[in-house]
């Protein structure tokens, strides 16, 4: 299946219930005093909105919509990573973004996944976004992939990271065991929303 390259607003309308439940479960993975990196995307925006009101943490993001969504959260320090804005995905890319992320060692990275394949790994369709996502993953203690069932087993043209980089997969309730088995076999913790 070919990847969905539709603009942010269109993707935000796809499968809202699945996205919301994935986001709620993902937001539960966060603890106080952590450094959290939120990748861009419609599901990660939902994660930002689902973070509990009394959370005290440092959030780093390449997504202006996420930074704005968290602007009035009382316990969060929010850092927005600069760079060139990709108008379709509403994320920053480029050398400045990559350099800023390379020096951070986050406790947890939430990856808005484009494609997730047991052999090919984490993939995307944009080379510039790939460099940013790879820099997010590089120093992270935990990498949480957010993927609804139609993203599992799919691959896009550009490889971000091997599947071994992912420590936890949060997916929706509609995924059958057979589709999840390869990820479980690889030692990835699978959470059904």
C-alpha atoms as a PDB file:
ATOM      1  CA  UNK A   1       0.000   0.000   0.000  1.00  0.00           C
ATOM      2  CA  UNK A   2       1.373   3.372  -0.917  1.00  0.00           C
ATOM      3  CA  UNK A   3       1.870   5.880   1.874  1.00  0.00           C
ATOM      4  CA  UNK A   4      -0.568   8.652   2.598  1.00  0.00           C
ATOM      5  CA  UNK A   5       1.172  11.869   1.602  1.00  0.00           C
ATOM      6  CA  UNK A   6      -1.910  14.015   2.123  1.00  0.00           C
ATOM      7  CA  UNK A   7      -1.490  17.337   3.896  1.00  0.00           C
ATOM      8  CA  UNK A   8      -1.729  17.650   7.663  1.00  0.00           C
ATOM      9  CA  UNK A   9      -5.372  18.810   7.768  1.00  0.00           C
ATOM     10  CA  UNK A  10      -6.579  15.883   5.662  1.00  0.00           C
ATOM     11  CA  UNK A  11      -4.617  13.340   7.711  1.00  0.00           C
ATOM     12  CA  UNK A  12      -5.996  14.844  10.924  1.00  0.00           C
ATOM     13  CA  UNK A  13      -9.488  13.781   9.808  1.00  0.00           C
ATOM     14  CA  UNK A  14      -8.513  10.151   9.136  1.00  0.00           C
ATOM     15  CA  UNK A  15      -9.517   7.559  11.731  1.00  0.00           C
ATOM     16  CA  UNK A  16      -9.972  10.082  14.560  1.00  0.00           C
ATOM     17  CA  UNK A  17     -11.096   7.472  17.139  1.00  0.00           C
ATOM     18  CA  UNK A  18      -8.088   5.214  16.523  1.00  0.00           C
ATOM     19  CA  UNK A  19      -5.704   8.191  16.651  1.00  0.00           C
ATOM     20  CA  UNK A  20      -7.236   9.497  19.872  1.00  0.00           C
ATOM     21  CA  UNK A  21      -7.066   6.148  21.658  1.00  0.00           C
ATOM     22  CA  UNK A  22      -3.475   5.519  20.478  1.00  0.00           C
ATOM     23  CA  UNK A  23      -2.563   9.008  21.701  1.00  0.00           C
ATOM     24  CA  UNK A  24      -4.161   8.490  25.117  1.00  0.00           C
ATOM     25  CA  UNK A  25      -2.277   5.217  25.679  1.00  0.00           C
ATOM     26  CA  UNK A  26       0.976   6.775  24.462  1.00  0.00           C
ATOM     27  CA  UNK A  27       0.593   9.764  26.791  1.00  0.00           C
ATOM     28  CA  UNK A  28       0.417   7.335  29.723  1.00  0.00           C
ATOM     29  CA  UNK A  29       4.039   6.293  28.959  1.00  0.00           C
ATOM     30  CA  UNK A  30       5.316   9.657  30.212  1.00  0.00           C
ATOM     31  CA  UNK A  31       6.647  10.402  33.715  1.00  0.00           C
ATOM     32  CA  UNK A  32       7.531  13.576  35.599  1.00  0.00           C
ATOM     33  CA  UNK A  33      10.941  15.162  34.998  1.00  0.00           C
ATOM     34  CA  UNK A  34      11.465  13.426  31.674  1.00  0.00           C
ATOM     35  CA  UNK A  35      12.813  14.960  28.480  1.00  0.00           C
ATOM     36  CA  UNK A  36      10.209  14.106  25.860  1.00  0.00           C
ATOM     37  CA  UNK A  37      10.654  14.554  22.116  1.00  0.00           C
ATOM     38  CA  UNK A  38       7.486  14.822  20.062  1.00  0.00           C
ATOM     39  CA  UNK A  39       7.882  14.254  16.344  1.00  0.00           C
ATOM     40  CA  UNK A  40       5.470  16.058  14.043  1.00  0.00           C
ATOM     41  CA  UNK A  41       2.212  14.568  12.838  1.00  0.00           C
ATOM     42  CA  UNK A  42      -1.462  14.364  13.605  1.00  0.00           C
ATOM     43  CA  UNK A  43      -1.175  11.487  16.094  1.00  0.00           C
ATOM     44  CA  UNK A  44       1.689  13.104  18.031  1.00  0.00           C
ATOM     45  CA  UNK A  45      -0.398  16.288  18.251  1.00  0.00           C
ATOM     46  CA  UNK A  46      -3.086  14.173  19.924  1.00  0.00           C
ATOM     47  CA  UNK A  47      -0.427  12.799  22.315  1.00  0.00           C
ATOM     48  CA  UNK A  48       0.489  16.371  23.257  1.00  0.00           C
ATOM     49  CA  UNK A  49      -3.165  17.157  23.966  1.00  0.00           C
ATOM     50  CA  UNK A  50      -3.498  13.967  26.049  1.00  0.00           C
ATOM     51  CA  UNK A  51      -0.564  14.722  28.389  1.00  0.00           C
ATOM     52  CA  UNK A  52      -1.906  14.971  31.915  1.00  0.00           C
ATOM     53  CA  UNK A  53      -2.484  18.450  33.334  1.00  0.00           C
ATOM     54  CA  UNK A  54      -0.144  17.997  36.308  1.00  0.00           C
ATOM     55  CA  UNK A  55       2.780  16.608  34.282  1.00  0.00           C
ATOM     56  CA  UNK A  56       6.111  18.329  34.908  1.00  0.00           C
ATOM     57  CA  UNK A  57       8.511  17.699  32.035  1.00  0.00           C
ATOM     58  CA  UNK A  58      10.539  19.204  29.203  1.00  0.00           C
ATOM     59  CA  UNK A  59       9.037  18.753  25.737  1.00  0.00           C
ATOM     60  CA  UNK A  60      11.111  19.240  22.599  1.00  0.00           C
ATOM     61  CA  UNK A  61       9.340  19.281  19.228  1.00  0.00           C
ATOM     62  CA  UNK A  62       9.837  20.137  15.567  1.00  0.00           C
ATOM     63  CA  UNK A  63       6.109  20.797  15.238  1.00  0.00           C
ATOM     64  CA  UNK A  64       4.754  24.354  15.610  1.00  0.00           C
ATOM     65  CA  UNK A  65       1.176  23.020  16.102  1.00  0.00           C
ATOM     66  CA  UNK A  66       2.384  20.870  19.022  1.00  0.00           C
ATOM     67  CA  UNK A  67       4.305  23.778  20.576  1.00  0.00           C
ATOM     68  CA  UNK A  68       1.167  25.936  20.355  1.00  0.00           C
ATOM     69  CA  UNK A  69      -1.034  23.167  21.774  1.00  0.00           C
ATOM     70  CA  UNK A  70       1.268  22.944  24.822  1.00  0.00           C
ATOM     71  CA  UNK A  71       1.840  26.693  25.241  1.00  0.00           C
ATOM     72  CA  UNK A  72      -0.582  27.009  28.172  1.00  0.00           C
ATOM     73  CA  UNK A  73       0.336  23.732  29.892  1.00  0.00           C
ATOM     74  CA  UNK A  74       1.499  24.839  33.362  1.00  0.00           C
ATOM     75  CA  UNK A  75       4.108  22.172  34.104  1.00  0.00           C
ATOM     76  CA  UNK A  76       5.884  21.889  30.787  1.00  0.00           C
ATOM     77  CA  UNK A  77       8.922  23.636  29.426  1.00  0.00           C
ATOM     78  CA  UNK A  78       8.488  23.554  25.663  1.00  0.00           C
ATOM     79  CA  UNK A  79      11.371  23.892  23.221  1.00  0.00           C
ATOM     80  CA  UNK A  80      10.581  24.254  19.552  1.00  0.00           C
ATOM     81  CA  UNK A  81      13.381  23.209  17.227  1.00  0.00           C
ATOM     82  CA  UNK A  82      14.091  25.720  14.482  1.00  0.00           C
ATOM     83  CA  UNK A  83      14.660  25.093  10.809  1.00  0.00           C
ATOM     84  CA  UNK A  84      12.843  25.235   7.503  1.00  0.00           C
ATOM     85  CA  UNK A  85       9.093  24.632   7.721  1.00  0.00           C
ATOM     86  CA  UNK A  86       7.670  21.810   5.609  1.00  0.00           C
ATOM     87  CA  UNK A  87       4.222  23.238   4.763  1.00  0.00           C
ATOM     88  CA  UNK A  88       2.510  19.867   4.203  1.00  0.00           C
ATOM     89  CA  UNK A  89       3.692  18.173   7.388  1.00  0.00           C
ATOM     90  CA  UNK A  90       4.038  21.361   9.481  1.00  0.00           C
ATOM     91  CA  UNK A  91       7.443  20.332  10.853  1.00  0.00           C
ATOM     92  CA  UNK A  92      10.875  21.918  10.783  1.00  0.00           C
ATOM     93  CA  UNK A  93      13.689  20.255   8.848  1.00  0.00           C
ATOM     94  CA  UNK A  94      17.251  21.017   7.811  1.00  0.00           C
ATOM     95  CA  UNK A  95      20.722  21.089   9.316  1.00  0.00           C
ATOM     96  CA  UNK A  96      19.745  23.405  12.190  1.00  0.00           C
ATOM     97  CA  UNK A  97      16.991  21.022  13.304  1.00  0.00           C
ATOM     98  CA  UNK A  98      19.242  17.962  13.039  1.00  0.00           C
ATOM     99  CA  UNK A  99      22.086  19.651  14.961  1.00  0.00           C
ATOM    100  CA  UNK A 100      19.725  20.789  17.741  1.00  0.00           C
ATOM    101  CA  UNK A 101      18.333  17.275  18.202  1.00  0.00           C
ATOM    102  CA  UNK A 102      21.718  15.526  18.076  1.00  0.00           C
ATOM    103  CA  UNK A 103      22.843  17.096  21.358  1.00  0.00           C
ATOM    104  CA  UNK A 104      19.730  16.001  23.284  1.00  0.00           C
ATOM    105  CA  UNK A 105      19.466  12.652  25.082  1.00  0.00           C
ATOM    106  CA  UNK A 106      15.716  12.271  25.541  1.00  0.00           C
ATOM    107  CA  UNK A 107      14.049   9.828  27.903  1.00  0.00           C
ATOM    108  CA  UNK A 108      11.368   9.112  25.336  1.00  0.00           C
ATOM    109  CA  UNK A 109      10.730   9.954  21.694  1.00  0.00           C
ATOM    110  CA  UNK A 110       7.256   9.704  20.232  1.00  0.00           C
ATOM    111  CA  UNK A 111       7.564   8.966  16.551  1.00  0.00           C
ATOM    112  CA  UNK A 112       4.755   9.836  14.188  1.00  0.00           C
ATOM    113  CA  UNK A 113       5.318   6.817  12.002  1.00  0.00           C
ATOM    114  CA  UNK A 114       4.816   6.867   8.267  1.00  0.00           C
ATOM    115  CA  UNK A 115       5.630   3.220   7.648  1.00  0.00           C
ATOM    116  CA  UNK A 116       6.639   0.427  10.015  1.00  0.00           C
ATOM    117  CA  UNK A 117       7.909  -2.849   8.593  1.00  0.00           C
ATOM    118  CA  UNK A 118       9.497  -5.735  10.550  1.00  0.00           C
ATOM    119  CA  UNK A 119      12.354  -6.156   8.034  1.00  0.00           C
ATOM    120  CA  UNK A 120      12.703  -2.717   6.437  1.00  0.00           C
ATOM    121  CA  UNK A 121      12.189  -0.703   9.619  1.00  0.00           C
ATOM    122  CA  UNK A 122      10.847   2.807  10.192  1.00  0.00           C
ATOM    123  CA  UNK A 123      10.348   4.609   6.881  1.00  0.00           C
ATOM    124  CA  UNK A 124       9.173   7.941   5.533  1.00  0.00           C
ATOM    125  CA  UNK A 125       8.818   9.585   2.138  1.00  0.00           C
ATOM    126  CA  UNK A 126      10.814  12.732   2.772  1.00  0.00           C
ATOM    127  CA  UNK A 127      14.620  12.651   2.963  1.00  0.00           C
ATOM    128  CA  UNK A 128      14.825  15.877   4.991  1.00  0.00           C
ATOM    129  CA  UNK A 129      12.299  14.594   7.533  1.00  0.00           C
ATOM    130  CA  UNK A 130      14.258  11.329   7.678  1.00  0.00           C
ATOM    131  CA  UNK A 131      17.384  13.124   8.919  1.00  0.00           C
ATOM    132  CA  UNK A 132      15.390  14.871  11.650  1.00  0.00           C
ATOM    133  CA  UNK A 133      13.633  11.688  12.806  1.00  0.00           C
ATOM    134  CA  UNK A 134      16.950   9.796  12.844  1.00  0.00           C
ATOM    135  CA  UNK A 135      18.520  12.538  15.001  1.00  0.00           C
ATOM    136  CA  UNK A 136      15.569  12.285  17.438  1.00  0.00           C
ATOM    137  CA  UNK A 137      16.054   8.523  17.782  1.00  0.00           C
ATOM    138  CA  UNK A 138      19.855   8.590  18.056  1.00  0.00           C
ATOM    139  CA  UNK A 139      20.253   9.389  21.755  1.00  0.00           C
ATOM    140  CA  UNK A 140      16.859   8.286  23.021  1.00  0.00           C
ATOM    141  CA  UNK A 141      16.413   5.865  25.915  1.00  0.00           C
ATOM    142  CA  UNK A 142      13.003   4.844  24.602  1.00  0.00           C
ATOM    143  CA  UNK A 143      11.442   5.153  21.144  1.00  0.00           C
ATOM    144  CA  UNK A 144       7.666   4.852  20.982  1.00  0.00           C
ATOM    145  CA  UNK A 145       6.226   4.317  17.506  1.00  0.00           C
ATOM    146  CA  UNK A 146       2.616   5.379  17.023  1.00  0.00           C
ATOM    147  CA  UNK A 147       1.021   3.443  14.184  1.00  0.00           C
ATOM    148  CA  UNK A 148      -2.569   2.568  13.407  1.00  0.00           C
ATOM    149  CA  UNK A 149      -3.154  -0.808  11.784  1.00  0.00           C
ATOM    150  CA  UNK A 150      -2.905   0.399   8.183  1.00  0.00           C
ATOM    151  CA  UNK A 151       0.686   1.598   8.723  1.00  0.00           C
ATOM    152  CA  UNK A 152       1.965  -1.743  10.020  1.00  0.00           C
ATOM    153  CA  UNK A 153       3.815  -3.816   7.449  1.00  0.00           C
ATOM    154  CA  UNK A 154       4.097  -0.848   5.074  1.00  0.00           C
ATOM    155  CA  UNK A 155       7.305   0.707   3.813  1.00  0.00           C
ATOM    156  CA  UNK A 156       8.044   4.041   2.196  1.00  0.00           C
ATOM    157  CA  UNK A 157      11.038   4.943   0.035  1.00  0.00           C
ATOM    158  CA  UNK A 158      13.312   6.386   2.741  1.00  0.00           C
ATOM    159  CA  UNK A 159      14.559   4.353   5.723  1.00  0.00           C
ATOM    160  CA  UNK A 160      14.727   6.298   9.002  1.00  0.00           C
ATOM    161  CA  UNK A 161      15.973   3.548  11.314  1.00  0.00           C
ATOM    162  CA  UNK A 162      16.048  -0.221  11.673  1.00  0.00           C
ATOM    163  CA  UNK A 163      13.091  -1.729  13.495  1.00  0.00           C
ATOM    164  CA  UNK A 164      15.445  -2.523  16.410  1.00  0.00           C
ATOM    165  CA  UNK A 165      15.460   1.214  17.221  1.00  0.00           C
ATOM    166  CA  UNK A 166      11.812   0.979  18.310  1.00  0.00           C
ATOM    167  CA  UNK A 167      11.276  -0.043  21.941  1.00  0.00           C
ATOM    168  CA  UNK A 168       7.489   0.267  22.097  1.00  0.00           C
ATOM    169  CA  UNK A 169       4.697   0.199  19.540  1.00  0.00           C
ATOM    170  CA  UNK A 170       1.340   1.744  20.345  1.00  0.00           C
ATOM    171  CA  UNK A 171      -1.310   0.690  17.865  1.00  0.00           C
ATOM    172  CA  UNK A 172      -5.083   0.476  17.699  1.00  0.00           C
ATOM    173  CA  UNK A 173      -7.368  -2.328  18.830  1.00  0.00           C
ATOM    174  CA  UNK A 174      -8.123  -3.421  15.248  1.00  0.00           C
ATOM    175  CA  UNK A 175      -4.741  -5.088  14.727  1.00  0.00           C
ATOM    176  CA  UNK A 176      -4.806  -8.873  14.701  1.00  0.00           C
ATOM    177  CA  UNK A 177      -2.189 -10.999  16.468  1.00  0.00           C
ATOM    178  CA  UNK A 178      -0.675 -12.231  13.209  1.00  0.00           C
ATOM    179  CA  UNK A 179       0.140  -8.674  12.120  1.00  0.00           C
ATOM    180  CA  UNK A 180       1.751  -7.927  15.501  1.00  0.00           C
ATOM    181  CA  UNK A 181       3.671 -11.200  15.873  1.00  0.00           C
ATOM    182  CA  UNK A 182       6.803 -10.055  13.970  1.00  0.00           C
ATOM    183  CA  UNK A 183       7.154  -6.998  16.233  1.00  0.00           C
ATOM    184  CA  UNK A 184       6.614  -9.024  19.410  1.00  0.00           C
ATOM    185  CA  UNK A 185       9.206 -11.564  18.196  1.00  0.00           C
ATOM    186  CA  UNK A 186      11.696  -8.707  17.807  1.00  0.00           C
ATOM    187  CA  UNK A 187      11.281  -7.822  21.481  1.00  0.00           C
ATOM    188  CA  UNK A 188       9.212  -4.681  20.920  1.00  0.00           C
ATOM    189  CA  UNK A 189       6.652  -4.008  23.617  1.00  0.00           C
ATOM    190  CA  UNK A 190       3.262  -3.795  21.899  1.00  0.00           C
ATOM    191  CA  UNK A 191       0.452  -1.752  23.428  1.00  0.00           C
ATOM    192  CA  UNK A 192      -3.043  -1.995  21.958  1.00  0.00           C
ATOM    193  CA  UNK A 193      -5.050   1.156  22.506  1.00  0.00           C
END
